Amino acid sequence: MIYEYKGKTPAIDQAAFIAPDTVITGDVEIGAYSSVWFKTVIRGDVAPVKIGSYSNIQDLSLLHQSPNLPLIVEDYVTVGHQVTLHSAIIRKNSLVGMGSIILDGAEVGEGAFVGAGSLVPPGKKIPPHTLAFGRPAKVVRDLTEEDIAEMKRIQQDYVDKGQAYKARL
């Protein structure tokens, strides 16, 4: 369900897959070949939400923001199941593990991996190409070649699944 809010209507690229029970409102932009999965809510009713191309926002996630603090998800990002993103920046090629919470002003660096169930507190910066884990999230190590390959596999898998679902629904 796509809703206009105060004159702002979500701008969704025609190549994106949006699950039919997703709710998207207001000032939201979603790029080409991205996917937003079942029962996800993206509310752009306080500040803008920008989701780049080839990114995926998995089932039951919640995306929102605080005044004057947009939420930015760059290209080739994987956002796992039941993730909350609130006025944060998620840089390209990164992965946010399922059940994680990323809060206002936090930044997940390019190619970084936030482990499942983590909490990235307000203003925290996760460096590029690292694995961060915990509550609060702390960097535990640099990513390996295997980690990077798995992140790319997951991201591409969701592009492919999104296009398959788009063709069926």
N, C-alpha and C. Protein backbone atom coordinates (compact mmCIF):
# COMPACT_ATOMS: atom_id res chain seq x y z
N MET A 1 0.85 -1.17 0.00
CA MET A 1 0.00 0.00 0.00
C MET A 1 0.90 1.24 0.00
N ILE A 2 0.66 2.10 -0.94
CA ILE A 2 1.45 3.31 -1.12
C ILE A 2 0.54 4.50 -0.80
N TYR A 3 0.99 5.36 0.11
CA TYR A 3 0.17 6.49 0.53
C TYR A 3 0.92 7.81 0.36
N GLU A 4 0.19 8.79 -0.14
CA GLU A 4 0.68 10.17 -0.16
C GLU A 4 0.54 10.72 1.26
N TYR A 5 1.47 11.57 1.65
CA TYR A 5 1.37 12.23 2.95
C TYR A 5 1.83 13.68 2.78
N LYS A 6 0.92 14.63 3.09
CA LYS A 6 1.18 16.06 3.00
C LYS A 6 1.84 16.45 1.68
N GLY A 7 1.25 15.95 0.60
CA GLY A 7 1.70 16.31 -0.74
C GLY A 7 2.90 15.54 -1.25
N LYS A 8 3.41 14.61 -0.47
CA LYS A 8 4.57 13.81 -0.88
C LYS A 8 4.10 12.38 -1.15
N THR A 9 4.39 11.91 -2.35
CA THR A 9 4.04 10.55 -2.75
C THR A 9 5.32 9.76 -2.98
N PRO A 10 5.41 8.54 -2.46
CA PRO A 10 6.62 7.75 -2.69
C PRO A 10 6.96 7.63 -4.18
N ALA A 11 8.24 7.75 -4.49
CA ALA A 11 8.75 7.59 -5.85
C ALA A 11 9.49 6.26 -5.91
N ILE A 12 8.88 5.31 -6.59
CA ILE A 12 9.41 3.94 -6.62
C ILE A 12 9.72 3.58 -8.07
N ASP A 13 10.97 3.22 -8.33
CA ASP A 13 11.37 2.83 -9.68
C ASP A 13 10.54 1.64 -10.14
N GLN A 14 10.19 1.62 -11.42
CA GLN A 14 9.35 0.56 -11.96
C GLN A 14 10.00 -0.82 -11.88
N ALA A 15 11.32 -0.88 -11.78
CA ALA A 15 12.02 -2.17 -11.72
C ALA A 15 12.11 -2.71 -10.29
N ALA A 16 11.67 -1.93 -9.30
CA ALA A 16 11.72 -2.39 -7.91
C ALA A 16 10.58 -3.36 -7.64
N PHE A 17 10.80 -4.28 -6.70
CA PHE A 17 9.73 -5.16 -6.23
C PHE A 17 9.28 -4.68 -4.86
N ILE A 18 7.98 -4.43 -4.73
CA ILE A 18 7.38 -4.02 -3.46
C ILE A 18 6.32 -5.07 -3.12
N ALA A 19 6.50 -5.80 -2.02
CA ALA A 19 5.53 -6.82 -1.62
C ALA A 19 4.16 -6.16 -1.41
N PRO A 20 3.10 -6.87 -1.74
CA PRO A 20 1.77 -6.26 -1.70
C PRO A 20 1.29 -5.83 -0.33
N ASP A 21 1.82 -6.39 0.75
CA ASP A 21 1.38 -5.98 2.08
C ASP A 21 2.35 -5.02 2.76
N THR A 22 3.22 -4.43 1.99
CA THR A 22 4.13 -3.39 2.47
C THR A 22 3.37 -2.08 2.58
N VAL A 23 3.74 -1.23 3.55
CA VAL A 23 3.17 0.10 3.67
C VAL A 23 4.30 1.11 3.47
N ILE A 24 4.11 2.01 2.50
CA ILE A 24 5.10 3.04 2.21
C ILE A 24 4.37 4.37 2.12
N THR A 25 4.80 5.35 2.93
CA THR A 25 4.11 6.63 2.97
C THR A 25 5.07 7.79 2.80
N GLY A 26 4.58 8.84 2.15
CA GLY A 26 5.26 10.13 2.14
C GLY A 26 6.51 10.22 1.29
N ASP A 27 7.51 10.92 1.83
CA ASP A 27 8.72 11.30 1.12
C ASP A 27 9.72 10.14 1.10
N VAL A 28 9.45 9.18 0.21
CA VAL A 28 10.27 7.97 0.10
C VAL A 28 10.67 7.80 -1.35
N GLU A 29 11.93 7.44 -1.56
CA GLU A 29 12.44 7.15 -2.90
C GLU A 29 13.09 5.77 -2.86
N ILE A 30 12.74 4.93 -3.83
CA ILE A 30 13.30 3.58 -3.92
C ILE A 30 13.82 3.36 -5.33
N GLY A 31 15.10 2.95 -5.43
CA GLY A 31 15.77 2.81 -6.72
C GLY A 31 15.50 1.50 -7.44
N ALA A 32 16.05 1.41 -8.63
CA ALA A 32 15.87 0.28 -9.53
C ALA A 32 16.39 -1.03 -8.93
N TYR A 33 15.63 -2.09 -9.14
CA TYR A 33 15.97 -3.46 -8.75
C TYR A 33 16.12 -3.65 -7.24
N SER A 34 15.64 -2.68 -6.48
CA SER A 34 15.58 -2.87 -5.04
C SER A 34 14.32 -3.66 -4.72
N SER A 35 14.26 -4.20 -3.50
CA SER A 35 13.08 -4.95 -3.10
C SER A 35 12.73 -4.62 -1.65
N VAL A 36 11.44 -4.55 -1.41
CA VAL A 36 10.91 -4.31 -0.07
C VAL A 36 9.94 -5.45 0.20
N TRP A 37 10.21 -6.20 1.27
CA TRP A 37 9.56 -7.48 1.48
C TRP A 37 8.37 -7.39 2.44
N PHE A 38 7.67 -8.49 2.57
CA PHE A 38 6.37 -8.59 3.21
C PHE A 38 6.33 -7.98 4.62
N LYS A 39 5.23 -7.23 4.83
CA LYS A 39 4.90 -6.61 6.11
C LYS A 39 5.93 -5.58 6.60
N THR A 40 6.69 -5.02 5.68
CA THR A 40 7.60 -3.93 6.02
C THR A 40 6.85 -2.60 6.00
N VAL A 41 7.27 -1.67 6.87
CA VAL A 41 6.68 -0.33 6.92
C VAL A 41 7.80 0.69 6.71
N ILE A 42 7.59 1.57 5.73
CA ILE A 42 8.54 2.67 5.47
C ILE A 42 7.73 3.95 5.50
N ARG A 43 7.95 4.74 6.55
CA ARG A 43 7.20 5.99 6.71
C ARG A 43 8.12 7.18 6.47
N GLY A 44 7.84 7.91 5.40
CA GLY A 44 8.55 9.15 5.12
C GLY A 44 7.70 10.34 5.49
N ASP A 45 7.22 10.34 6.73
CA ASP A 45 6.29 11.40 7.15
C ASP A 45 6.92 12.41 8.11
N VAL A 46 8.23 12.29 8.35
CA VAL A 46 8.93 13.24 9.21
C VAL A 46 10.11 13.88 8.46
N ALA A 47 10.85 13.04 7.73
CA ALA A 47 11.98 13.47 6.91
C ALA A 47 12.08 12.47 5.75
N PRO A 48 12.89 12.76 4.74
CA PRO A 48 12.98 11.85 3.59
C PRO A 48 13.61 10.50 3.93
N VAL A 49 13.21 9.50 3.15
CA VAL A 49 13.83 8.18 3.15
C VAL A 49 14.30 7.93 1.72
N LYS A 50 15.59 7.61 1.57
CA LYS A 50 16.13 7.32 0.24
C LYS A 50 16.75 5.93 0.27
N ILE A 51 16.24 5.06 -0.57
CA ILE A 51 16.79 3.71 -0.73
C ILE A 51 17.32 3.63 -2.15
N GLY A 52 18.59 3.30 -2.28
CA GLY A 52 19.23 3.27 -3.59
C GLY A 52 18.78 2.08 -4.43
N SER A 53 19.57 1.77 -5.42
CA SER A 53 19.30 0.66 -6.33
C SER A 53 19.93 -0.63 -5.83
N TYR A 54 19.32 -1.75 -6.20
CA TYR A 54 19.83 -3.10 -5.90
C TYR A 54 19.92 -3.38 -4.40
N SER A 55 19.13 -2.69 -3.61
CA SER A 55 19.12 -2.92 -2.16
C SER A 55 17.88 -3.71 -1.79
N ASN A 56 17.92 -4.37 -0.63
CA ASN A 56 16.74 -5.11 -0.19
C ASN A 56 16.45 -4.81 1.27
N ILE A 57 15.17 -4.61 1.54
CA ILE A 57 14.67 -4.36 2.89
C ILE A 57 13.76 -5.56 3.19
N GLN A 58 14.21 -6.44 4.07
CA GLN A 58 13.53 -7.71 4.25
C GLN A 58 12.32 -7.63 5.19
N ASP A 59 11.60 -8.72 5.23
CA ASP A 59 10.31 -8.83 5.90
C ASP A 59 10.29 -8.24 7.31
N LEU A 60 9.18 -7.56 7.63
CA LEU A 60 8.88 -7.04 8.96
C LEU A 60 9.81 -5.93 9.44
N SER A 61 10.53 -5.31 8.52
CA SER A 61 11.40 -4.20 8.91
C SER A 61 10.61 -2.91 9.04
N LEU A 62 11.19 -1.96 9.77
CA LEU A 62 10.57 -0.66 10.02
C LEU A 62 11.58 0.43 9.75
N LEU A 63 11.23 1.36 8.86
CA LEU A 63 12.11 2.46 8.52
C LEU A 63 11.38 3.77 8.81
N HIS A 64 12.03 4.63 9.59
CA HIS A 64 11.42 5.91 9.98
C HIS A 64 12.53 6.91 10.25
N GLN A 65 12.18 8.09 10.71
CA GLN A 65 13.18 9.13 10.95
C GLN A 65 12.71 10.17 11.95
N SER A 66 13.68 10.99 12.38
CA SER A 66 13.41 12.13 13.25
C SER A 66 13.45 13.40 12.41
N PRO A 67 12.90 14.51 12.92
CA PRO A 67 12.89 15.74 12.14
C PRO A 67 14.30 16.15 11.69
N ASN A 68 14.39 16.51 10.42
CA ASN A 68 15.62 17.00 9.80
C ASN A 68 16.75 15.98 9.77
N LEU A 69 16.44 14.72 9.98
CA LEU A 69 17.44 13.64 9.92
C LEU A 69 16.95 12.55 8.97
N PRO A 70 17.25 12.68 7.67
CA PRO A 70 16.77 11.67 6.72
C PRO A 70 17.37 10.30 6.99
N LEU A 71 16.73 9.30 6.44
CA LEU A 71 17.23 7.93 6.46
C LEU A 71 17.74 7.63 5.06
N ILE A 72 18.99 7.19 4.96
CA ILE A 72 19.60 6.92 3.67
C ILE A 72 20.14 5.49 3.66
N VAL A 73 19.67 4.73 2.69
CA VAL A 73 20.17 3.39 2.44
C VAL A 73 20.73 3.43 1.01
N GLU A 74 22.05 3.30 0.88
CA GLU A 74 22.67 3.43 -0.44
C GLU A 74 22.46 2.17 -1.28
N ASP A 75 23.16 2.07 -2.41
CA ASP A 75 23.04 0.96 -3.34
C ASP A 75 23.65 -0.33 -2.80
N TYR A 76 23.11 -1.46 -3.24
CA TYR A 76 23.64 -2.80 -2.95
C TYR A 76 23.70 -3.11 -1.45
N VAL A 77 22.68 -2.68 -0.73
CA VAL A 77 22.61 -2.90 0.72
C VAL A 77 21.61 -4.01 1.01
N THR A 78 21.93 -4.86 1.97
CA THR A 78 21.00 -5.86 2.48
C THR A 78 20.60 -5.47 3.90
N VAL A 79 19.29 -5.36 4.11
CA VAL A 79 18.73 -5.07 5.44
C VAL A 79 17.91 -6.30 5.82
N GLY A 80 18.35 -7.04 6.83
CA GLY A 80 17.74 -8.31 7.21
C GLY A 80 16.34 -8.19 7.79
N HIS A 81 15.76 -9.34 8.08
CA HIS A 81 14.41 -9.41 8.63
C HIS A 81 14.32 -8.68 9.97
N GLN A 82 13.20 -8.01 10.18
CA GLN A 82 12.86 -7.32 11.44
C GLN A 82 13.92 -6.32 11.90
N VAL A 83 14.46 -5.58 10.96
CA VAL A 83 15.43 -4.52 11.29
C VAL A 83 14.68 -3.21 11.45
N THR A 84 15.12 -2.40 12.43
CA THR A 84 14.63 -1.04 12.56
C THR A 84 15.76 -0.09 12.17
N LEU A 85 15.49 0.77 11.19
CA LEU A 85 16.42 1.83 10.79
C LEU A 85 15.74 3.15 11.09
N HIS A 86 16.42 4.03 11.84
CA HIS A 86 15.82 5.30 12.23
C HIS A 86 16.83 6.42 12.02
N SER A 87 16.61 7.25 10.99
CA SER A 87 17.46 8.42 10.72
C SER A 87 18.94 8.08 10.70
N ALA A 88 19.29 7.00 10.00
CA ALA A 88 20.68 6.56 9.92
C ALA A 88 21.15 6.60 8.47
N ILE A 89 22.43 6.33 8.27
CA ILE A 89 22.99 6.20 6.93
C ILE A 89 23.61 4.80 6.84
N ILE A 90 23.17 4.07 5.83
CA ILE A 90 23.69 2.73 5.57
C ILE A 90 24.41 2.82 4.22
N ARG A 91 25.73 2.76 4.24
CA ARG A 91 26.54 2.94 3.04
C ARG A 91 26.49 1.72 2.13
N LYS A 92 26.87 1.93 0.88
CA LYS A 92 26.76 0.89 -0.15
C LYS A 92 27.52 -0.39 0.20
N ASN A 93 26.99 -1.48 -0.32
CA ASN A 93 27.57 -2.82 -0.17
C ASN A 93 27.60 -3.33 1.26
N SER A 94 26.80 -2.77 2.15
CA SER A 94 26.82 -3.21 3.55
C SER A 94 25.64 -4.15 3.82
N LEU A 95 25.68 -4.77 4.99
CA LEU A 95 24.63 -5.69 5.41
C LEU A 95 24.29 -5.41 6.86
N VAL A 96 23.00 -5.28 7.14
CA VAL A 96 22.51 -5.12 8.51
C VAL A 96 21.76 -6.39 8.85
N GLY A 97 22.27 -7.15 9.81
CA GLY A 97 21.71 -8.45 10.16
C GLY A 97 20.34 -8.36 10.80
N MET A 98 19.61 -9.46 10.69
CA MET A 98 18.23 -9.50 11.17
C MET A 98 18.11 -9.12 12.65
N GLY A 99 17.02 -8.41 12.95
CA GLY A 99 16.74 -8.02 14.32
C GLY A 99 17.58 -6.88 14.84
N SER A 100 18.38 -6.27 14.00
CA SER A 100 19.23 -5.16 14.46
C SER A 100 18.46 -3.85 14.48
N ILE A 101 18.98 -2.90 15.26
CA ILE A 101 18.40 -1.57 15.38
C ILE A 101 19.53 -0.57 15.14
N ILE A 102 19.33 0.35 14.18
CA ILE A 102 20.31 1.37 13.86
C ILE A 102 19.62 2.72 14.10
N LEU A 103 20.15 3.51 15.03
CA LEU A 103 19.45 4.71 15.50
C LEU A 103 20.00 6.02 14.92
N ASP A 104 19.35 7.11 15.28
CA ASP A 104 19.57 8.44 14.71
C ASP A 104 21.05 8.83 14.63
N GLY A 105 21.45 9.26 13.43
CA GLY A 105 22.80 9.77 13.23
C GLY A 105 23.87 8.70 13.15
N ALA A 106 23.50 7.44 13.31
CA ALA A 106 24.48 6.35 13.17
C ALA A 106 24.80 6.17 11.70
N GLU A 107 25.98 5.62 11.44
CA GLU A 107 26.40 5.35 10.07
C GLU A 107 27.08 3.99 10.01
N VAL A 108 26.58 3.16 9.09
CA VAL A 108 27.21 1.88 8.81
C VAL A 108 28.06 2.11 7.57
N GLY A 109 29.37 1.95 7.73
CA GLY A 109 30.31 2.27 6.66
C GLY A 109 30.19 1.36 5.45
N GLU A 110 30.77 1.81 4.36
CA GLU A 110 30.73 1.06 3.10
C GLU A 110 31.27 -0.35 3.31
N GLY A 111 30.49 -1.33 2.85
CA GLY A 111 30.92 -2.71 2.92
C GLY A 111 30.98 -3.29 4.32
N ALA A 112 30.39 -2.64 5.31
CA ALA A 112 30.41 -3.15 6.68
C ALA A 112 29.29 -4.15 6.89
N PHE A 113 29.43 -4.95 7.95
CA PHE A 113 28.46 -5.99 8.30
C PHE A 113 28.10 -5.79 9.76
N VAL A 114 26.82 -5.52 10.02
CA VAL A 114 26.33 -5.41 11.40
C VAL A 114 25.65 -6.74 11.71
N GLY A 115 26.17 -7.47 12.69
CA GLY A 115 25.67 -8.80 13.01
C GLY A 115 24.25 -8.78 13.54
N ALA A 116 23.58 -9.91 13.40
CA ALA A 116 22.18 -10.06 13.81
C ALA A 116 21.99 -9.66 15.27
N GLY A 117 20.89 -8.97 15.53
CA GLY A 117 20.52 -8.59 16.89
C GLY A 117 21.31 -7.45 17.48
N SER A 118 22.07 -6.75 16.67
CA SER A 118 22.91 -5.67 17.18
C SER A 118 22.13 -4.37 17.35
N LEU A 119 22.67 -3.49 18.19
CA LEU A 119 22.13 -2.15 18.41
C LEU A 119 23.26 -1.16 18.11
N VAL A 120 23.06 -0.34 17.09
CA VAL A 120 24.01 0.72 16.78
C VAL A 120 23.40 2.00 17.34
N PRO A 121 23.99 2.53 18.44
CA PRO A 121 23.38 3.68 19.12
C PRO A 121 23.50 4.98 18.33
N PRO A 122 22.77 6.00 18.74
CA PRO A 122 22.79 7.27 18.04
C PRO A 122 24.23 7.79 17.87
N GLY A 123 24.52 8.22 16.64
CA GLY A 123 25.80 8.85 16.34
C GLY A 123 26.96 7.90 16.15
N LYS A 124 26.81 6.62 16.40
CA LYS A 124 27.90 5.65 16.29
C LYS A 124 28.26 5.43 14.82
N LYS A 125 29.55 5.35 14.53
CA LYS A 125 30.04 5.10 13.18
C LYS A 125 30.69 3.71 13.15
N ILE A 126 30.17 2.85 12.30
CA ILE A 126 30.77 1.54 12.07
C ILE A 126 31.71 1.69 10.88
N PRO A 127 33.00 1.43 11.05
CA PRO A 127 33.95 1.65 9.96
C PRO A 127 33.70 0.73 8.76
N PRO A 128 34.13 1.16 7.58
CA PRO A 128 33.98 0.33 6.38
C PRO A 128 34.67 -1.02 6.54
N HIS A 129 34.08 -2.03 5.89
CA HIS A 129 34.69 -3.36 5.75
C HIS A 129 35.01 -4.02 7.08
N THR A 130 34.16 -3.78 8.10
CA THR A 130 34.35 -4.42 9.39
C THR A 130 33.07 -5.16 9.78
N LEU A 131 33.23 -6.09 10.72
CA LEU A 131 32.09 -6.76 11.34
C LEU A 131 31.88 -6.15 12.71
N ALA A 132 30.67 -5.63 12.94
CA ALA A 132 30.31 -5.07 14.25
C ALA A 132 29.17 -5.91 14.80
N PHE A 133 29.22 -6.11 16.12
CA PHE A 133 28.24 -7.00 16.72
C PHE A 133 28.01 -6.59 18.17
N GLY A 134 26.78 -6.78 18.66
CA GLY A 134 26.48 -6.60 20.07
C GLY A 134 25.52 -5.47 20.34
N ARG A 135 25.24 -5.28 21.64
CA ARG A 135 24.33 -4.25 22.15
C ARG A 135 25.00 -3.52 23.30
N PRO A 136 25.70 -2.44 23.05
CA PRO A 136 25.84 -1.74 21.77
C PRO A 136 26.84 -2.44 20.85
N ALA A 137 26.70 -2.17 19.55
CA ALA A 137 27.57 -2.80 18.56
C ALA A 137 29.00 -2.30 18.72
N LYS A 138 29.92 -3.24 18.64
CA LYS A 138 31.35 -2.95 18.68
C LYS A 138 32.02 -3.69 17.54
N VAL A 139 33.04 -3.10 16.95
CA VAL A 139 33.78 -3.76 15.88
C VAL A 139 34.52 -4.94 16.48
N VAL A 140 34.34 -6.12 15.86
CA VAL A 140 35.01 -7.32 16.35
C VAL A 140 36.15 -7.77 15.45
N ARG A 141 36.08 -7.40 14.16
CA ARG A 141 37.17 -7.76 13.25
C ARG A 141 36.95 -7.15 11.89
N ASP A 142 37.98 -7.20 11.06
CA ASP A 142 37.83 -6.84 9.65
C ASP A 142 37.12 -7.99 8.94
N LEU A 143 36.45 -7.66 7.84
CA LEU A 143 35.77 -8.70 7.07
C LEU A 143 36.78 -9.53 6.27
N THR A 144 36.45 -10.79 6.08
CA THR A 144 37.28 -11.68 5.27
C THR A 144 36.75 -11.68 3.83
N GLU A 145 37.52 -12.25 2.93
CA GLU A 145 37.06 -12.42 1.55
C GLU A 145 35.78 -13.26 1.52
N GLU A 146 35.70 -14.26 2.40
CA GLU A 146 34.52 -15.12 2.47
C GLU A 146 33.29 -14.33 2.92
N ASP A 147 33.48 -13.44 3.91
CA ASP A 147 32.38 -12.59 4.37
C ASP A 147 31.85 -11.73 3.22
N ILE A 148 32.76 -11.11 2.51
CA ILE A 148 32.39 -10.20 1.42
C ILE A 148 31.67 -10.97 0.31
N ALA A 149 32.17 -12.16 -0.02
CA ALA A 149 31.51 -12.98 -1.05
C ALA A 149 30.10 -13.36 -0.61
N GLU A 150 29.93 -13.73 0.66
CA GLU A 150 28.61 -14.11 1.16
C GLU A 150 27.65 -12.91 1.16
N MET A 151 28.13 -11.75 1.52
CA MET A 151 27.29 -10.55 1.48
C MET A 151 26.83 -10.27 0.05
N LYS A 152 27.73 -10.40 -0.91
CA LYS A 152 27.37 -10.18 -2.32
C LYS A 152 26.38 -11.23 -2.80
N ARG A 153 26.57 -12.48 -2.37
CA ARG A 153 25.65 -13.55 -2.76
C ARG A 153 24.23 -13.26 -2.26
N ILE A 154 24.13 -12.87 -1.00
CA ILE A 154 22.82 -12.56 -0.40
C ILE A 154 22.16 -11.40 -1.15
N GLN A 155 22.92 -10.35 -1.38
CA GLN A 155 22.38 -9.17 -2.05
C GLN A 155 21.87 -9.54 -3.44
N GLN A 156 22.66 -10.28 -4.21
CA GLN A 156 22.24 -10.67 -5.56
C GLN A 156 21.04 -11.61 -5.51
N ASP A 157 21.02 -12.50 -4.54
CA ASP A 157 19.89 -13.42 -4.37
C ASP A 157 18.59 -12.64 -4.19
N TYR A 158 18.63 -11.55 -3.44
CA TYR A 158 17.41 -10.76 -3.24
C TYR A 158 17.02 -9.97 -4.47
N VAL A 159 17.98 -9.54 -5.28
CA VAL A 159 17.63 -8.91 -6.56
C VAL A 159 16.89 -9.95 -7.42
N ASP A 160 17.46 -11.15 -7.51
CA ASP A 160 16.86 -12.20 -8.33
C ASP A 160 15.47 -12.60 -7.81
N LYS A 161 15.36 -12.80 -6.49
CA LYS A 161 14.06 -13.16 -5.90
C LYS A 161 13.03 -12.05 -6.14
N GLY A 162 13.44 -10.82 -5.96
CA GLY A 162 12.53 -9.70 -6.15
C GLY A 162 11.98 -9.67 -7.56
N GLN A 163 12.84 -9.90 -8.54
CA GLN A 163 12.38 -9.89 -9.93
C GLN A 163 11.47 -11.08 -10.23
N ALA A 164 11.76 -12.24 -9.61
CA ALA A 164 10.90 -13.40 -9.79
C ALA A 164 9.51 -13.16 -9.19
N TYR A 165 9.47 -12.59 -7.97
CA TYR A 165 8.18 -12.28 -7.35
C TYR A 165 7.45 -11.22 -8.16
N LYS A 166 8.17 -10.23 -8.65
CA LYS A 166 7.56 -9.16 -9.43
C LYS A 166 6.86 -9.73 -10.66
N ALA A 167 7.50 -10.72 -11.30
CA ALA A 167 6.92 -11.33 -12.49
C ALA A 167 5.66 -12.12 -12.16
N ARG A 168 5.57 -12.66 -10.94
CA ARG A 168 4.43 -13.49 -10.55
C ARG A 168 3.26 -12.68 -9.98
N LEU A 169 3.57 -11.62 -9.25
CA LEU A 169 2.51 -10.89 -8.53
C LEU A 169 1.97 -9.78 -9.39
